[in-house]
Amino acid sequence: MAFVSQPRNFTVDKRVPWGGANGEADIVVLGLDWSAGTYLMEVRPEPGNTSAALLSIANASAGAQGVSVSYEAGYLHPKTGAVVGATIIRPQINETSLESLSYGADPADPVTLFYDIHATVSGRGKFVLMAGKFIIQPGVTL
């Protein structure tokens, strides 16, 4: 199966971890085993910004901040129910990292940043897996 990068915006809460085991940020690639690839996600104030990333995460073990990747051979196609296998790419950002991403905004306002995820996989090389807005909601509960 071919993979085509698509835009996907994420809205996250500032005072709780994002992604990880809850699956809210999962990227599922049907029919391909990209579990040996390398992944890098960066968050910046605007697209094209060349200063240091506000946040950068790379390959990590499941449950840790970073990008964990696994292949599930028995994964079922969501529409047909056929066994197709899938790579599950699971970014996770810890609460303390999200709290540090204020970028000069009023603390009561959402902050709109931008992200992309680069993937490097065998037979394909490096490409943008996904990109979009990364909107952080301020929250209330500390």
Foldseek 3Di string as FASTA:
>chain_A
DDADEDADEDEAELQFKDWAPVHPPKDKAWQDDQQVKKKKKFKAAEPPDDDDTLDMAIEDDGPDAHKHKDKDQQDADPPPRDRRIIIIIIHIDGNVSSNSPPVPDDLQDKGKIKMWMWIQGPPPGIDTRYIYIYIYHNDDDD
